[in-house]
Amino acid sequence: MTGRILTTTASSYYVEFDGIAETEIKSMAQVSYEGKVTGNAKPIACTKGGRTSRQTTSGGYDSSPSMTLEVYMCDDPRSASFQFYNWFQDCLPPSDGGTGNWASSRKTGSVVVYDPQSTEVLRWNLEKAWIKKYSISDPDVTGQDLAVETYELVAENIYKPVSISSAF
């Protein structure tokens, strides 16, 4: 193995999106692509020995790629919570209390992971992203945990640069 195994323990996660100030987030929970496969349901040939041949073809993706981010709830205008919630309101239809500016509210940006020495170690770039889903953790007045908001972003493209040379 020529590289090192990367851990995100004790790392910082930041978001950088058009119109959103660079700000720290709690975590990136998931990046998801869901591919669809076609043609494998029926055999296309069978040999004398009973071997079956099937053709399998990638049919693209069932949906656009998505990414789930978690942020600590905060009312500071510089916080990810405040800025992401405003973005979510821009994407939400007027019938649901939003402004309905979905098409013009898509943003290009990145989620960046820094190690404890503030060196960038991972980056995911998102193109024409918008907030598809919003949820908040269950409130617990007896607990000591901070309130967490979860945002699911959908993008036309999510990609991770192959490597960041300074990290390896």
C-alpha atoms as a PDB file:
ATOM      1  CA  MET A   1       0.000   0.000   0.000  1.00  0.00           C
ATOM      2  CA  THR A   2       1.484   3.360  -0.987  1.00  0.00           C
ATOM      3  CA  GLY A   3      -0.855   5.719   0.882  1.00  0.00           C
ATOM      4  CA  ARG A   4      -1.993   5.903   4.449  1.00  0.00           C
ATOM      5  CA  ILE A   5      -5.298   4.840   5.895  1.00  0.00           C
ATOM      6  CA  LEU A   6      -7.277   7.936   6.733  1.00  0.00           C
ATOM      7  CA  THR A   7      -9.329   8.386   9.870  1.00  0.00           C
ATOM      8  CA  THR A   8     -11.712  11.254  10.423  1.00  0.00           C
ATOM      9  CA  THR A   9     -11.404  11.050  14.214  1.00  0.00           C
ATOM     10  CA  ALA A  10     -10.548  14.443  15.709  1.00  0.00           C
ATOM     11  CA  SER A  11     -11.024  16.083  12.342  1.00  0.00           C
ATOM     12  CA  SER A  12     -12.996  19.192  11.423  1.00  0.00           C
ATOM     13  CA  TYR A  13     -15.677  19.260   8.741  1.00  0.00           C
ATOM     14  CA  TYR A  14     -16.374  22.500   6.886  1.00  0.00           C
ATOM     15  CA  VAL A  15     -18.779  23.432   4.113  1.00  0.00           C
ATOM     16  CA  GLU A  16     -18.055  25.941   1.369  1.00  0.00           C
ATOM     17  CA  PHE A  17     -21.071  26.738  -0.849  1.00  0.00           C
ATOM     18  CA  ASP A  18     -22.016  29.620  -3.133  1.00  0.00           C
ATOM     19  CA  GLY A  19     -23.589  32.310  -0.952  1.00  0.00           C
ATOM     20  CA  ILE A  20     -22.891  30.455   2.313  1.00  0.00           C
ATOM     21  CA  ALA A  21     -19.970  31.546   4.450  1.00  0.00           C
ATOM     22  CA  GLU A  22     -17.395  28.817   5.096  1.00  0.00           C
ATOM     23  CA  THR A  23     -18.571  27.235   8.319  1.00  0.00           C
ATOM     24  CA  GLU A  24     -18.003  24.136  10.422  1.00  0.00           C
ATOM     25  CA  ILE A  25     -20.514  21.277  10.551  1.00  0.00           C
ATOM     26  CA  LYS A  26     -20.911  18.342  12.963  1.00  0.00           C
ATOM     27  CA  SER A  27     -20.472  15.572  10.406  1.00  0.00           C
ATOM     28  CA  MET A  28     -21.097  14.237   6.962  1.00  0.00           C
ATOM     29  CA  ALA A  29     -23.218  11.160   7.494  1.00  0.00           C
ATOM     30  CA  GLN A  30     -23.515   9.676   4.014  1.00  0.00           C
ATOM     31  CA  VAL A  31     -22.744  10.029   0.326  1.00  0.00           C
ATOM     32  CA  SER A  32     -25.068   7.933  -1.783  1.00  0.00           C
ATOM     33  CA  TYR A  33     -25.349   6.899  -5.426  1.00  0.00           C
ATOM     34  CA  GLU A  34     -27.955   4.287  -6.271  1.00  0.00           C
ATOM     35  CA  GLY A  35     -27.323   2.570  -9.563  1.00  0.00           C
ATOM     36  CA  LYS A  36     -29.793   0.522 -11.524  1.00  0.00           C
ATOM     37  CA  VAL A  37     -28.937  -2.622 -13.437  1.00  0.00           C
ATOM     38  CA  THR A  38     -30.927  -3.857 -16.418  1.00  0.00           C
ATOM     39  CA  GLY A  39     -30.999  -7.014 -18.491  1.00  0.00           C
ATOM     40  CA  ASN A  40     -30.004  -9.566 -15.874  1.00  0.00           C
ATOM     41  CA  ALA A  41     -33.491 -10.928 -15.162  1.00  0.00           C
ATOM     42  CA  LYS A  42     -33.707 -13.265 -18.163  1.00  0.00           C
ATOM     43  CA  PRO A  43     -31.056 -15.553 -19.632  1.00  0.00           C
ATOM     44  CA  ILE A  44     -29.937 -14.793 -23.178  1.00  0.00           C
ATOM     45  CA  ALA A  45     -28.431 -18.235 -23.872  1.00  0.00           C
ATOM     46  CA  CYS A  46     -27.923 -21.660 -22.381  1.00  0.00           C
ATOM     47  CA  THR A  47     -25.091 -24.078 -23.243  1.00  0.00           C
ATOM     48  CA  LYS A  48     -25.314 -27.838 -23.707  1.00  0.00           C
ATOM     49  CA  GLY A  49     -23.762 -28.261 -20.285  1.00  0.00           C
ATOM     50  CA  GLY A  50     -26.521 -26.221 -18.667  1.00  0.00           C
ATOM     51  CA  ARG A  51     -24.578 -22.977 -18.186  1.00  0.00           C
ATOM     52  CA  THR A  52     -26.709 -19.894 -18.506  1.00  0.00           C
ATOM     53  CA  SER A  53     -25.457 -16.630 -19.945  1.00  0.00           C
ATOM     54  CA  ARG A  54     -26.974 -13.327 -18.912  1.00  0.00           C
ATOM     55  CA  GLN A  55     -26.347  -9.838 -20.106  1.00  0.00           C
ATOM     56  CA  THR A  56     -26.109  -7.166 -17.433  1.00  0.00           C
ATOM     57  CA  THR A  57     -26.005  -3.503 -18.316  1.00  0.00           C
ATOM     58  CA  SER A  58     -25.704  -0.435 -16.160  1.00  0.00           C
ATOM     59  CA  GLY A  59     -28.862   1.583 -16.619  1.00  0.00           C
ATOM     60  CA  GLY A  60     -27.476   4.727 -14.999  1.00  0.00           C
ATOM     61  CA  TYR A  61     -28.765   5.862 -11.648  1.00  0.00           C
ATOM     62  CA  ASP A  62     -32.230   5.683 -10.111  1.00  0.00           C
ATOM     63  CA  SER A  63     -31.838   9.175  -8.686  1.00  0.00           C
ATOM     64  CA  SER A  64     -29.360  11.989  -8.384  1.00  0.00           C
ATOM     65  CA  PRO A  65     -26.508  11.499  -5.907  1.00  0.00           C
ATOM     66  CA  SER A  66     -27.155  12.696  -2.380  1.00  0.00           C
ATOM     67  CA  MET A  67     -25.183  13.663   0.708  1.00  0.00           C
ATOM     68  CA  THR A  68     -26.372  13.900   4.299  1.00  0.00           C
ATOM     69  CA  LEU A  69     -24.909  16.558   6.603  1.00  0.00           C
ATOM     70  CA  GLU A  70     -25.439  17.099  10.316  1.00  0.00           C
ATOM     71  CA  VAL A  71     -25.099  20.486  12.002  1.00  0.00           C
ATOM     72  CA  TYR A  72     -25.574  21.715  15.555  1.00  0.00           C
ATOM     73  CA  MET A  73     -28.678  23.900  15.867  1.00  0.00           C
ATOM     74  CA  CYS A  74     -27.698  27.544  16.306  1.00  0.00           C
ATOM     75  CA  ASP A  75     -29.321  30.926  15.646  1.00  0.00           C
ATOM     76  CA  ASP A  76     -26.071  32.754  14.837  1.00  0.00           C
ATOM     77  CA  PRO A  77     -26.329  34.038  11.220  1.00  0.00           C
ATOM     78  CA  ARG A  78     -22.785  32.764  10.551  1.00  0.00           C
ATOM     79  CA  SER A  79     -23.605  29.189  11.639  1.00  0.00           C
ATOM     80  CA  ALA A  80     -24.229  26.317   9.248  1.00  0.00           C
ATOM     81  CA  SER A  81     -27.577  25.767  10.987  1.00  0.00           C
ATOM     82  CA  PHE A  82     -28.842  29.274  10.243  1.00  0.00           C
ATOM     83  CA  GLN A  83     -27.501  29.388   6.677  1.00  0.00           C
ATOM     84  CA  PHE A  84     -28.646  25.876   5.724  1.00  0.00           C
ATOM     85  CA  TYR A  85     -32.141  26.456   7.119  1.00  0.00           C
ATOM     86  CA  ASN A  86     -32.473  29.645   5.036  1.00  0.00           C
ATOM     87  CA  TRP A  87     -31.292  27.676   1.985  1.00  0.00           C
ATOM     88  CA  PHE A  88     -33.859  24.975   2.778  1.00  0.00           C
ATOM     89  CA  GLN A  89     -36.607  27.643   2.965  1.00  0.00           C
ATOM     90  CA  ASP A  90     -35.546  28.916  -0.476  1.00  0.00           C
ATOM     91  CA  CYS A  91     -35.918  25.392  -1.905  1.00  0.00           C
ATOM     92  CA  LEU A  92     -39.248  24.652  -0.198  1.00  0.00           C
ATOM     93  CA  PRO A  93     -42.430  25.244  -2.253  1.00  0.00           C
ATOM     94  CA  PRO A  94     -44.658  28.178  -1.201  1.00  0.00           C
ATOM     95  CA  SER A  95     -47.455  25.704  -0.399  1.00  0.00           C
ATOM     96  CA  ASP A  96     -45.183  24.333   2.367  1.00  0.00           C
ATOM     97  CA  GLY A  97     -44.099  27.725   3.708  1.00  0.00           C
ATOM     98  CA  GLY A  98     -40.999  28.280   1.587  1.00  0.00           C
ATOM     99  CA  THR A  99     -40.146  30.796  -1.090  1.00  0.00           C
ATOM    100  CA  GLY A 100     -40.238  28.310  -3.969  1.00  0.00           C
ATOM    101  CA  ASN A 101     -36.928  29.389  -5.515  1.00  0.00           C
ATOM    102  CA  TRP A 102     -35.743  25.809  -5.990  1.00  0.00           C
ATOM    103  CA  ALA A 103     -34.222  26.198  -9.476  1.00  0.00           C
ATOM    104  CA  SER A 104     -32.353  29.404  -8.669  1.00  0.00           C
ATOM    105  CA  SER A 105     -31.258  28.134  -5.232  1.00  0.00           C
ATOM    106  CA  ARG A 106     -29.074  25.275  -6.448  1.00  0.00           C
ATOM    107  CA  LYS A 107     -25.504  25.793  -5.283  1.00  0.00           C
ATOM    108  CA  THR A 108     -22.034  24.539  -6.083  1.00  0.00           C
ATOM    109  CA  GLY A 109     -19.768  23.848  -3.148  1.00  0.00           C
ATOM    110  CA  SER A 110     -17.659  21.456  -1.141  1.00  0.00           C
ATOM    111  CA  VAL A 111     -17.543  19.531   2.097  1.00  0.00           C
ATOM    112  CA  VAL A 112     -13.949  19.548   3.325  1.00  0.00           C
ATOM    113  CA  VAL A 113     -12.313  17.500   6.098  1.00  0.00           C
ATOM    114  CA  TYR A 114      -9.264  18.883   7.896  1.00  0.00           C
ATOM    115  CA  ASP A 115      -6.978  16.930  10.209  1.00  0.00           C
ATOM    116  CA  PRO A 116      -6.048  18.248  13.687  1.00  0.00           C
ATOM    117  CA  GLN A 117      -3.180  20.255  12.137  1.00  0.00           C
ATOM    118  CA  SER A 118      -5.703  22.058   9.848  1.00  0.00           C
ATOM    119  CA  THR A 119      -4.413  20.281   6.739  1.00  0.00           C
ATOM    120  CA  GLU A 120      -7.070  19.397   4.178  1.00  0.00           C
ATOM    121  CA  VAL A 121      -7.317  15.612   3.883  1.00  0.00           C
ATOM    122  CA  LEU A 122     -10.626  14.965   2.094  1.00  0.00           C
ATOM    123  CA  ARG A 123     -12.949  16.943  -0.143  1.00  0.00           C
ATOM    124  CA  TRP A 124     -16.262  16.221  -1.823  1.00  0.00           C
ATOM    125  CA  ASN A 125     -17.370  18.677  -4.499  1.00  0.00           C
ATOM    126  CA  LEU A 126     -21.072  19.095  -5.255  1.00  0.00           C
ATOM    127  CA  GLU A 127     -22.503  20.670  -8.393  1.00  0.00           C
ATOM    128  CA  LYS A 128     -25.970  22.269  -8.517  1.00  0.00           C
ATOM    129  CA  ALA A 129     -26.967  20.978  -5.091  1.00  0.00           C
ATOM    130  CA  TRP A 130     -30.194  21.732  -3.240  1.00  0.00           C
ATOM    131  CA  ILE A 131     -31.656  20.653   0.089  1.00  0.00           C
ATOM    132  CA  LYS A 132     -34.121  17.818  -0.378  1.00  0.00           C
ATOM    133  CA  LYS A 133     -34.851  16.923   3.236  1.00  0.00           C
ATOM    134  CA  TYR A 134     -34.611  18.514   6.671  1.00  0.00           C
ATOM    135  CA  SER A 135     -35.019  16.897  10.094  1.00  0.00           C
ATOM    136  CA  ILE A 136     -34.129  17.668  13.684  1.00  0.00           C
ATOM    137  CA  SER A 137     -33.076  15.343  16.487  1.00  0.00           C
ATOM    138  CA  ASP A 138     -35.639  14.417  19.121  1.00  0.00           C
ATOM    139  CA  PRO A 139     -35.690  17.120  21.807  1.00  0.00           C
ATOM    140  CA  ASP A 140     -34.714  15.811  25.244  1.00  0.00           C
ATOM    141  CA  VAL A 141     -34.921  18.356  28.056  1.00  0.00           C
ATOM    142  CA  THR A 142     -33.365  15.884  30.500  1.00  0.00           C
ATOM    143  CA  GLY A 143     -30.353  15.105  28.326  1.00  0.00           C
ATOM    144  CA  GLN A 144     -27.127  16.978  27.843  1.00  0.00           C
ATOM    145  CA  ASP A 145     -26.793  16.467  24.082  1.00  0.00           C
ATOM    146  CA  LEU A 146     -26.869  19.395  21.696  1.00  0.00           C
ATOM    147  CA  ALA A 147     -29.751  19.636  19.226  1.00  0.00           C
ATOM    148  CA  VAL A 148     -28.720  18.372  15.783  1.00  0.00           C
ATOM    149  CA  GLU A 149     -30.277  19.214  12.428  1.00  0.00           C
ATOM    150  CA  THR A 150     -29.879  16.865   9.478  1.00  0.00           C
ATOM    151  CA  TYR A 151     -29.935  18.084   5.870  1.00  0.00           C
ATOM    152  CA  GLU A 152     -30.046  15.788   2.857  1.00  0.00           C
ATOM    153  CA  LEU A 153     -28.583  17.471  -0.216  1.00  0.00           C
ATOM    154  CA  VAL A 154     -29.192  16.262  -3.752  1.00  0.00           C
ATOM    155  CA  ALA A 155     -26.766  17.285  -6.494  1.00  0.00           C
ATOM    156  CA  GLU A 156     -26.351  16.839 -10.205  1.00  0.00           C
ATOM    157  CA  ASN A 157     -22.865  15.542  -9.475  1.00  0.00           C
ATOM    158  CA  ILE A 158     -20.832  14.692  -6.372  1.00  0.00           C
ATOM    159  CA  TYR A 159     -17.202  13.829  -6.797  1.00  0.00           C
ATOM    160  CA  LYS A 160     -14.158  13.365  -4.604  1.00  0.00           C
ATOM    161  CA  PRO A 161     -10.813  14.443  -6.017  1.00  0.00           C
ATOM    162  CA  VAL A 162      -8.591  11.390  -6.415  1.00  0.00           C
ATOM    163  CA  SER A 163      -6.031  12.487  -3.844  1.00  0.00           C
ATOM    164  CA  ILE A 164      -4.751  15.527  -2.109  1.00  0.00           C
ATOM    165  CA  SER A 165      -0.980  15.266  -2.472  1.00  0.00           C
ATOM    166  CA  SER A 166      -0.114  17.164   0.708  1.00  0.00           C
ATOM    167  CA  ALA A 167      -2.081  14.625   2.773  1.00  0.00           C
ATOM    168  CA  PHE A 168      -0.240  11.578   1.421  1.00  0.00           C
END
